[in-house]
Protein backbone atom coordinates (compact mmCIF):
# COMPACT_ATOMS: atom_id res chain seq x y z
CA UNK A 1 -24.01 201.89 61.90
CA UNK A 2 -24.32 202.58 65.61
CA UNK A 3 -21.69 201.16 67.88
CA UNK A 4 -22.40 197.88 69.62
CA UNK A 5 -21.08 199.04 72.96
CA UNK A 6 -18.92 197.14 75.46
CA UNK A 7 -18.86 197.28 79.27
CA UNK A 8 -15.71 199.44 79.17
CA UNK A 9 -17.20 201.79 76.61
CA UNK A 10 -20.42 202.10 78.63
CA UNK A 11 -18.50 202.79 81.85
CA UNK A 12 -16.46 205.46 80.06
CA UNK A 13 -19.58 207.18 78.73
CA UNK A 14 -21.24 207.16 82.18
CA UNK A 15 -18.06 208.55 83.79
CA UNK A 16 -17.96 211.28 81.19
CA UNK A 17 -21.63 212.19 81.90
CA UNK A 18 -20.95 212.22 85.65
CA UNK A 19 -18.33 214.94 85.13
CA UNK A 20 -20.83 217.26 83.43
CA UNK A 21 -22.72 220.02 85.21
CA UNK A 22 -26.13 219.10 86.59
CA UNK A 23 -27.96 221.13 83.94
CA UNK A 24 -26.19 219.23 81.13
CA UNK A 25 -26.52 215.72 82.54
CA UNK A 26 -30.20 215.26 81.67
CA UNK A 27 -29.65 215.82 77.95
CA UNK A 28 -26.61 213.55 78.03
CA UNK A 29 -28.45 210.66 79.70
CA UNK A 30 -31.43 211.03 77.33
CA UNK A 31 -29.11 210.97 74.33
CA UNK A 32 -27.46 207.84 75.70
CA UNK A 33 -30.88 206.14 76.08
CA UNK A 34 -31.70 206.92 72.43
CA UNK A 35 -28.27 205.68 71.31
CA UNK A 36 -28.63 202.34 73.12
CA UNK A 37 -32.17 201.70 71.82
CA UNK A 38 -31.12 202.54 68.24
CA UNK A 39 -28.37 199.90 68.06
CA UNK A 40 -28.66 197.36 65.26
CA UNK A 41 -27.06 194.65 67.38
CA UNK A 42 -29.23 193.79 70.37
CA UNK A 43 -26.67 191.69 72.24
CA UNK A 44 -25.62 194.32 74.76
CA UNK A 45 -28.82 196.41 74.98
CA UNK A 46 -30.15 194.71 78.12
CA UNK A 47 -26.90 194.96 80.09
CA UNK A 48 -26.24 198.55 79.05
CA UNK A 49 -29.76 199.71 79.92
CA UNK A 50 -29.58 198.04 83.33
CA UNK A 51 -26.21 199.67 83.96
CA UNK A 52 -27.62 203.05 82.92
CA UNK A 53 -30.69 202.63 85.17
CA UNK A 54 -28.54 201.47 88.09
CA UNK A 55 -26.34 204.56 87.65
CA UNK A 56 -29.13 207.14 87.54
CA UNK A 57 -31.09 205.49 90.36
CA UNK A 58 -28.40 204.48 92.84
CA UNK A 59 -25.64 207.08 92.33
CA UNK A 60 -25.87 209.87 94.88
CA UNK A 61 -24.43 212.31 92.34
CA UNK A 62 -27.59 212.00 90.17
CA UNK A 63 -30.53 213.97 91.50
CA UNK A 64 -34.00 212.43 91.83
CA UNK A 65 -35.40 214.88 89.28
CA UNK A 66 -32.87 213.79 86.65
CA UNK A 67 -33.32 210.06 87.33
CA UNK A 68 -37.12 210.33 87.10
CA UNK A 69 -36.92 212.20 83.82
CA UNK A 70 -34.51 209.65 82.34
CA UNK A 71 -36.64 206.69 83.49
CA UNK A 72 -39.83 208.31 82.18
CA UNK A 73 -38.24 208.71 78.74
CA UNK A 74 -36.95 205.13 78.77
CA UNK A 75 -40.34 203.73 79.78
CA UNK A 76 -42.02 205.80 77.07
CA UNK A 77 -39.65 204.50 74.39
CA UNK A 78 -40.23 200.90 75.47
CA UNK A 79 -43.98 201.43 75.39
CA UNK A 80 -43.96 202.91 71.89
CA UNK A 81 -42.21 199.91 70.39
CA UNK A 82 -38.57 200.96 70.04
CA UNK A 83 -37.68 197.33 70.88
CA UNK A 84 -39.52 195.17 68.36
CA UNK A 85 -38.35 191.79 69.65
CA UNK A 86 -40.95 190.47 72.13
CA UNK A 87 -38.56 188.38 74.23
CA UNK A 88 -35.88 191.08 74.39
CA UNK A 89 -38.37 193.72 75.48
CA UNK A 90 -39.68 191.47 78.24
CA UNK A 91 -36.14 190.73 79.42
CA UNK A 92 -35.26 194.44 79.49
CA UNK A 93 -38.39 195.35 81.51
CA UNK A 94 -37.78 192.55 84.02
CA UNK A 95 -34.17 193.71 84.47
CA UNK A 96 -35.19 197.34 85.02
CA UNK A 97 -37.85 196.32 87.55
CA UNK A 98 -35.25 194.35 89.52
CA UNK A 99 -33.05 197.45 89.72
CA UNK A 100 -35.94 199.71 90.75
CA UNK A 101 -37.50 197.35 93.30
CA UNK A 102 -35.42 198.49 96.34
CA UNK A 103 -36.35 202.13 95.64
CA UNK A 104 -39.88 201.61 94.33
CA UNK A 105 -41.32 204.36 96.54
CA UNK A 106 -39.41 207.01 94.58
CA UNK A 107 -40.38 205.66 91.15
CA UNK A 108 -43.97 204.39 91.54
CA UNK A 109 -45.25 205.96 88.31
CA UNK A 110 -42.47 204.44 86.20
CA UNK A 111 -42.74 201.05 87.90
CA UNK A 112 -46.51 200.99 87.36
CA UNK A 113 -46.10 201.68 83.65
CA UNK A 114 -43.44 198.97 83.33
CA UNK A 115 -45.67 196.45 85.12
CA UNK A 116 -48.54 197.18 82.73
CA UNK A 117 -46.21 196.61 79.78
CA UNK A 118 -44.86 193.38 81.27
CA UNK A 119 -48.40 192.13 81.98
CA UNK A 120 -49.34 192.78 78.34
CA UNK A 121 -46.31 190.78 77.15
CA UNK A 122 -47.05 187.86 79.49
CA UNK A 123 -50.73 187.86 78.53
CA UNK A 124 -49.73 187.67 74.86
CA UNK A 125 -47.70 184.56 75.76
CA UNK A 126 -50.78 183.16 77.61
CA UNK A 127 -48.87 183.22 80.89
CA UNK A 128 -52.10 184.17 82.67
CA UNK A 129 -51.11 183.67 86.29
CA UNK A 130 -47.73 185.38 85.87
CA UNK A 131 -49.42 188.37 84.22
CA UNK A 132 -51.88 188.55 87.12
CA UNK A 133 -49.04 188.48 89.67
CA UNK A 134 -47.29 191.35 87.88
CA UNK A 135 -50.47 193.43 88.17
CA UNK A 136 -50.88 192.43 91.83
CA UNK A 137 -47.52 194.08 92.50
CA UNK A 138 -48.83 197.51 91.50
CA UNK A 139 -49.24 199.79 94.51
CA UNK A 140 -52.80 201.12 94.25
CA UNK A 141 -52.93 203.01 97.56
CA UNK A 142 -49.66 204.59 98.55
CA UNK A 143 -48.95 207.76 100.45
CA UNK A 144 -47.44 209.57 97.49
CA UNK A 145 -49.63 208.29 94.66
CA UNK A 146 -53.17 206.92 94.69
CA UNK A 147 -54.98 205.76 91.56
CA UNK A 148 -58.58 206.84 90.85
CA UNK A 149 -61.22 204.31 91.87
CA UNK A 150 -62.27 203.54 88.29
CA UNK A 151 -58.65 202.64 87.41
CA UNK A 152 -58.39 200.40 90.48
CA UNK A 153 -61.63 198.72 89.44
CA UNK A 154 -60.27 198.02 85.94
CA UNK A 155 -57.05 196.55 87.37
CA UNK A 156 -58.94 194.27 89.76
CA UNK A 157 -61.20 193.06 86.96
CA UNK A 158 -58.21 192.34 84.73
CA UNK A 159 -56.54 190.35 87.53
CA UNK A 160 -59.73 188.33 88.04
CA UNK A 161 -60.01 187.63 84.32
CA UNK A 162 -56.38 186.46 84.09
CA UNK A 163 -56.68 184.19 87.13
CA UNK A 164 -59.85 182.61 85.78
CA UNK A 165 -58.03 181.76 82.54
CA UNK A 166 -55.87 179.42 84.64
CA UNK A 167 -58.95 178.34 86.67
CA UNK A 168 -57.60 179.83 89.90
CA UNK A 169 -61.10 180.64 91.12
CA UNK A 170 -60.14 180.93 94.81
CA UNK A 171 -57.69 183.79 94.37
CA UNK A 172 -59.87 185.29 91.64
CA UNK A 173 -62.79 185.53 94.07
CA UNK A 174 -60.60 187.52 96.49
CA UNK A 175 -59.91 190.19 93.87
CA UNK A 176 -63.48 190.04 92.61
CA UNK A 177 -64.69 190.96 96.09
CA UNK A 178 -62.34 193.96 96.05
CA UNK A 179 -63.68 194.99 92.65
CA UNK A 180 -67.26 194.63 93.86
CA UNK A 181 -66.67 197.41 96.39
CA UNK A 182 -65.75 199.74 93.50
CA UNK A 183 -68.34 198.55 90.97
CA UNK A 184 -70.20 201.87 91.05
CA UNK A 185 -67.07 203.90 90.28
CA UNK A 186 -67.28 203.52 86.50
CA UNK A 187 -69.90 204.05 83.82
CA UNK A 188 -67.83 202.35 81.12
CA UNK A 189 -70.12 199.76 79.53
CA UNK A 190 -67.31 197.38 78.51
CA UNK A 191 -65.85 197.31 82.02
CA UNK A 192 -69.28 196.68 83.56
CA UNK A 193 -69.87 193.75 81.20
CA UNK A 194 -66.46 192.30 82.09
CA UNK A 195 -67.38 192.60 85.77
CA UNK A 196 -70.66 190.73 85.25
CA UNK A 197 -68.90 188.06 83.21
CA UNK A 198 -66.34 187.57 86.00
CA UNK A 199 -69.21 187.23 88.46
CA UNK A 200 -70.84 184.54 86.31
CA UNK A 201 -67.58 182.62 85.85
CA UNK A 202 -66.73 182.72 89.57
CA UNK A 203 -70.20 181.37 90.41
CA UNK A 204 -69.61 178.70 87.78
CA UNK A 205 -66.26 177.65 89.30
CA UNK A 206 -67.71 177.79 92.83
CA UNK A 207 -70.48 175.40 91.69
CA UNK A 208 -73.17 178.02 92.29
CA UNK A 209 -74.66 176.91 89.01
CA UNK A 210 -78.09 178.47 89.44
CA UNK A 211 -76.65 181.97 89.96
CA UNK A 212 -74.14 181.42 87.13
CA UNK A 213 -76.91 180.37 84.72
CA UNK A 214 -78.89 183.54 85.43
CA UNK A 215 -75.84 185.77 84.95
CA UNK A 216 -74.79 184.04 81.72
CA UNK A 217 -78.32 184.32 80.34
CA UNK A 218 -78.51 188.01 81.25
CA UNK A 219 -75.20 188.69 79.46
CA UNK A 220 -76.31 186.75 76.38
CA UNK A 221 -78.77 189.57 75.65
CA UNK A 222 -76.15 192.36 75.78
CA UNK A 223 -76.03 194.03 72.36
CA UNK A 224 -72.46 195.25 73.00
CA UNK A 225 -71.15 191.68 72.90
CA UNK A 226 -70.31 189.91 69.65
CA UNK A 227 -73.00 187.58 68.32
CA UNK A 228 -70.77 184.50 68.54
CA UNK A 229 -69.82 185.30 72.14
CA UNK A 230 -73.48 185.79 73.05
CA UNK A 231 -74.24 182.36 71.67
CA UNK A 232 -71.43 180.93 73.79
CA UNK A 233 -72.81 182.70 76.88
CA UNK A 234 -76.26 181.24 76.22
CA UNK A 235 -74.71 177.79 75.87
CA UNK A 236 -72.91 178.28 79.21
CA UNK A 237 -76.22 179.31 80.79
CA UNK A 238 -77.84 176.08 79.61
CA UNK A 239 -74.94 174.02 80.94
CA UNK A 240 -75.09 175.64 84.38
CA UNK A 241 -78.88 175.30 84.52
CA UNK A 242 -78.57 171.57 83.82
CA UNK A 243 -75.97 171.18 86.57
CA UNK A 244 -77.95 173.22 89.13
CA UNK A 245 -79.76 171.44 92.00
CA UNK A 246 -83.20 170.22 90.94
CA UNK A 247 -86.11 172.16 92.38
CA UNK A 248 -88.52 175.06 91.75
CA UNK A 249 -85.74 177.66 91.33
CA UNK A 250 -83.98 175.65 88.65
CA UNK A 251 -87.32 174.97 86.94
CA UNK A 252 -87.85 178.72 86.55
CA UNK A 253 -84.41 179.17 85.00
CA UNK A 254 -84.95 176.20 82.68
CA UNK A 255 -88.29 177.68 81.60
CA UNK A 256 -86.64 181.00 80.78
CA UNK A 257 -83.95 179.29 78.69
CA UNK A 258 -86.39 176.92 76.99
CA UNK A 259 -88.60 179.82 75.89
CA UNK A 260 -85.60 181.70 74.50
CA UNK A 261 -85.97 181.25 70.74
CA UNK A 262 -82.17 181.16 70.32
CA UNK A 263 -81.84 178.00 72.43
CA UNK A 264 -83.20 175.69 69.73
CA UNK A 265 -80.00 176.27 67.69
CA UNK A 266 -77.74 175.04 70.50
CA UNK A 267 -76.25 171.51 70.52
CA UNK A 268 -77.45 171.19 74.15
CA UNK A 269 -81.08 171.97 73.32
CA UNK A 270 -82.07 168.31 73.53
CA UNK A 271 -81.05 167.90 77.17
CA UNK A 272 -82.50 171.36 77.99
CA UNK A 273 -85.90 170.43 76.58
CA UNK A 274 -85.93 167.07 78.35
CA UNK A 275 -85.11 168.67 81.67
CA UNK A 276 -87.72 171.41 81.22
CA UNK A 277 -90.40 168.90 80.23
CA UNK A 278 -89.46 166.62 83.17
CA UNK A 279 -88.45 163.70 80.97
CA UNK A 280 -86.22 160.95 82.33
CA UNK A 281 -82.63 161.32 81.08
CA UNK A 282 -81.00 158.22 79.62
CA UNK A 283 -77.31 157.23 80.01
CA UNK A 284 -76.47 157.84 76.33
CA UNK A 285 -77.78 161.41 76.53
CA UNK A 286 -75.83 162.04 79.71
CA UNK A 287 -72.58 160.74 78.20
CA UNK A 288 -72.99 162.98 75.16
CA UNK A 289 -73.55 166.02 77.37
CA UNK A 290 -70.65 165.08 79.66
CA UNK A 291 -68.17 165.38 76.78
CA UNK A 292 -68.98 169.11 76.47
CA UNK A 293 -68.25 169.96 80.11
CA UNK A 294 -65.17 171.70 81.51
CA UNK A 295 -62.95 170.01 84.15
CA UNK A 296 -64.40 171.95 87.11
CA UNK A 297 -67.91 170.93 86.03
CA UNK A 298 -66.87 167.28 86.32
CA UNK A 299 -65.43 167.66 89.81
CA UNK A 300 -65.78 164.77 92.23
CA UNK A 301 -68.07 165.32 95.18
CA UNK A 302 -67.77 163.84 98.65
CA UNK A 303 -70.64 162.19 100.49
CA UNK A 304 -71.07 163.20 104.12
CA UNK A 305 -70.50 160.55 106.76
CA UNK A 306 -74.17 160.70 107.83
CA UNK A 307 -75.42 160.19 104.28
CA UNK A 308 -72.92 157.39 103.72
CA UNK A 309 -74.08 155.66 106.88
CA UNK A 310 -77.74 156.08 105.95
CA UNK A 311 -77.08 154.87 102.40
CA UNK A 312 -75.40 151.64 103.51
CA UNK A 313 -78.10 150.44 105.86
CA UNK A 314 -78.90 146.83 105.01
CA UNK A 315 -82.41 146.22 103.74
CA UNK A 316 -84.49 143.60 105.46
CA UNK A 317 -85.23 142.02 102.10
CA UNK A 318 -82.38 140.25 100.34
CA UNK A 319 -80.90 142.36 97.57
CA UNK A 320 -81.17 141.24 93.97
CA UNK A 321 -77.94 140.43 92.12
CA UNK A 322 -78.70 143.10 89.51
CA UNK A 323 -79.40 145.88 92.04
CA UNK A 324 -76.89 148.74 92.25
CA UNK A 325 -74.42 149.04 95.13
CA UNK A 326 -73.73 152.75 94.66
CA UNK A 327 -74.22 154.81 97.81
CA UNK A 328 -74.49 158.23 96.14
CA UNK A 329 -73.52 160.41 93.17
CA UNK A 330 -69.82 160.72 92.38
CA UNK A 331 -69.71 163.94 90.32
CA UNK A 332 -71.59 167.21 90.02
CA UNK A 333 -73.23 166.01 86.79
CA UNK A 334 -74.08 162.69 88.39
CA UNK A 335 -75.89 164.40 91.23
CA UNK A 336 -77.75 166.81 88.94
CA UNK A 337 -79.02 163.98 86.73
CA UNK A 338 -80.08 161.80 89.66
CA UNK A 339 -81.98 164.65 91.30
CA UNK A 340 -83.65 165.51 87.99
CA UNK A 341 -84.71 161.93 87.35
CA UNK A 342 -86.09 161.72 90.88
CA UNK A 343 -88.07 164.94 90.34
CA UNK A 344 -89.25 163.70 86.93
CA UNK A 345 -90.43 160.41 88.43
CA UNK A 346 -92.61 162.38 90.86
CA UNK A 347 -94.50 163.73 87.82
CA UNK A 348 -95.06 160.22 86.48
CA UNK A 349 -95.77 158.06 89.52
CA UNK A 350 -98.03 158.46 92.54
CA UNK A 351 -95.58 156.41 94.58
CA UNK A 352 -92.48 154.30 94.08
CA UNK A 353 -90.62 151.74 96.17
CA UNK A 354 -87.11 152.34 97.43
CA UNK A 355 -85.91 149.49 95.26
CA UNK A 356 -87.69 150.82 92.18
CA UNK A 357 -86.27 154.31 92.68
CA UNK A 358 -82.81 152.85 93.24
CA UNK A 359 -83.08 150.97 89.95
CA UNK A 360 -84.14 154.17 88.19
CA UNK A 361 -81.28 156.22 89.67
CA UNK A 362 -78.64 153.46 89.65
CA UNK A 363 -78.37 153.62 93.45
CA UNK A 364 -78.87 151.20 96.27
CA UNK A 365 -82.41 151.34 97.73
CA UNK A 366 -81.14 152.98 100.94
CA UNK A 367 -79.15 155.57 98.96
CA UNK A 368 -82.21 156.38 96.83
CA UNK A 369 -84.25 156.91 100.01
CA UNK A 370 -81.51 159.20 101.38
CA UNK A 371 -81.53 161.37 98.24
CA UNK A 372 -85.33 161.64 98.29
CA UNK A 373 -85.31 162.49 102.00
CA UNK A 374 -82.78 165.31 101.52
CA UNK A 375 -84.75 166.82 98.64
CA UNK A 376 -87.96 166.70 100.66
CA UNK A 377 -86.23 168.31 103.64
CA UNK A 378 -84.88 171.11 101.42
CA UNK A 379 -88.30 171.78 99.88
CA UNK A 380 -87.18 170.71 96.40
CA UNK A 381 -89.48 167.68 96.28
CA UNK A 382 -93.03 167.35 97.60
CA UNK A 383 -93.72 163.97 99.10
CA UNK A 384 -93.65 161.68 102.13
CA UNK A 385 -91.65 158.59 102.99
CA UNK A 386 -93.20 155.41 104.38
CA UNK A 387 -90.29 153.44 105.82
CA UNK A 388 -92.51 150.56 106.93
CA UNK A 389 -93.74 149.76 103.43
CA UNK A 390 -90.54 151.17 101.87
CA UNK A 391 -92.50 153.60 99.70
CA UNK A 392 -92.10 157.21 98.64
CA UNK A 393 -95.43 158.99 98.09
CA UNK A 394 -95.35 162.01 95.79
CA UNK A 395 -97.67 164.95 96.42
CA UNK A 396 -99.13 167.38 93.88
CA UNK A 397 -97.48 170.84 94.13
CA UNK A 398 -99.18 174.06 95.16
CA UNK A 399 -98.16 175.46 91.78
CA UNK A 400 -101.03 173.53 90.24
CA UNK A 401 -103.52 175.21 92.57
CA UNK A 402 -102.10 178.65 91.79
CA UNK A 403 -102.14 178.04 88.04
CA UNK A 404 -105.70 176.78 88.16
CA UNK A 405 -106.91 179.64 90.35
CA UNK A 406 -105.26 182.47 88.41
CA UNK A 407 -105.34 181.18 84.83
CA UNK A 408 -107.56 182.86 82.29
CA UNK A 409 -107.33 186.21 84.06
CA UNK A 410 -109.75 185.09 86.76
CA UNK A 411 -107.50 186.22 89.60
CA UNK A 412 -107.94 184.70 93.01
CA UNK A 413 -110.89 182.30 92.81
CA UNK A 414 -112.12 180.41 95.81
CA UNK A 415 -112.89 176.78 95.10
CA UNK A 416 -114.94 174.45 97.23
CA UNK A 417 -114.42 170.74 96.83
CA UNK A 418 -116.25 167.87 98.32
CA UNK A 419 -114.15 165.52 100.41
CA UNK A 420 -114.95 162.18 98.82
CA UNK A 421 -112.19 160.33 100.64
CA UNK A 422 -110.59 159.43 97.30
CA UNK A 423 -107.19 161.21 97.05
CA UNK A 424 -106.35 159.90 93.57
CA UNK A 425 -109.70 161.03 92.18
CA UNK A 426 -109.10 164.51 93.59
CA UNK A 427 -105.65 164.57 92.02
CA UNK A 428 -107.06 163.50 88.65
CA UNK A 429 -109.76 166.18 88.89
CA UNK A 430 -107.10 168.78 89.73
CA UNK A 431 -105.11 167.84 86.64
CA UNK A 432 -108.22 168.21 84.46
CA UNK A 433 -109.01 171.63 85.94
CA UNK A 434 -105.42 172.80 85.47
CA UNK A 435 -105.37 171.67 81.82
CA UNK A 436 -108.69 173.38 81.12
CA UNK A 437 -107.49 176.61 82.75
CA UNK A 438 -104.28 176.56 80.69
CA UNK A 439 -106.27 176.06 77.47
CA UNK A 440 -108.46 179.00 78.42
CA UNK A 441 -105.34 181.16 78.93
CA UNK A 442 -103.97 180.23 75.49
CA UNK A 443 -107.28 181.02 73.80
CA UNK A 444 -107.44 184.44 75.49
CA UNK A 445 -103.89 185.29 74.36
CA UNK A 446 -104.67 184.27 70.78
CA UNK A 447 -107.89 186.29 70.78
CA UNK A 448 -106.09 189.36 72.18
CA UNK A 449 -103.62 189.21 69.28
CA UNK A 450 -106.43 188.85 66.74
CA UNK A 451 -105.36 185.38 65.69
CA UNK A 452 -108.78 183.89 66.35
CA UNK A 453 -112.31 185.24 66.46
CA UNK A 454 -114.85 184.34 69.07
CA UNK A 455 -118.21 183.30 67.67
CA UNK A 456 -121.46 183.74 69.60
CA UNK A 457 -123.81 180.83 68.98
CA UNK A 458 -127.51 181.71 69.34
CA UNK A 459 -130.04 179.06 70.16
């Protein structure tokens, strides 16, 4: 059995090695490293290795060439699993790094390797932030040693991924921006997918839900990713699309997800279909969806002082006891649902009173008017506000005109309409024309695929 080693014994061995000629010292130190790592008793391994490292690094009698060779061998042995105990190996690496820190410039290669090993150990313990900090300490651009750009890119991406595990999106975005500058430095498919996933998750944490939904959906088609992970990415895309601000851009993303044949197998398909079809969402459906959200997706939102002031203006009419007193949405989900229900109501009603909209959205009448005004100002809702009669008038979108003009492969068709002075009749006629044009488009697609045959009727 190998000796356990004591401080006195270790000092004696190091003194004996110091008396050897320079050409013999390297072999002696390497043999001592092997002897320490081979001990059955692990009680004194950490102290003896630190003493050995301190001797070869800080003693003027040991040349830099010898110390680097000894440290390289020690780092190699640690990396290849000579120390099986997880906690002991971590403790040894941390001790060696403390000794090397004052002279890190002379041992950058060895320190970098030790930091990678320590980060692996911390990641295995799910100490995400600590692992990221260890990697942050690696010198990527020094005068004596500079890593290739593709290696820097991989390190930045790993730091971002670790920080996002602990939901530190602010610091993660800093390192993501550094990685973005090097995104063209690698052709490795796995690394590129990790980069895109980090981009989607950062957008998610930053509440840029529309961009996050598009990135998640794009990744859900990647064949390199496991089927179960792709399903999870698609589910994340649906969640972000639901939380995105209501408007034409979100409608396009919802349409893309709704038409994805894989979406019907998701638990969130019900709320996706209702949002795509512009159905009003009910409280029970919202509560069920809320239970699936992550903490950052349930973040509280603050109402601006101007909106709060506008939402608390007293109505001239006395308020009903049952009317809501809420002056605005309280969470991200709350806002998304209110904006959706407001947009959905514009598809159902020609106009609605402030009080009626407030009852629909669970807001005070003034707060409902404020939400509608902001959406109209931002181009996400087509309509006008009559503050005298306390009405919101909804207008038909230009999308209907475009669909009617281009459907059926007719291209740009100029239409002339007679001004009858009856706006609701014109709107009804427009809906009939749009429906007829859509039916014509469906028939043409079916005929092109040979699913139906056109019959010529002779008179």
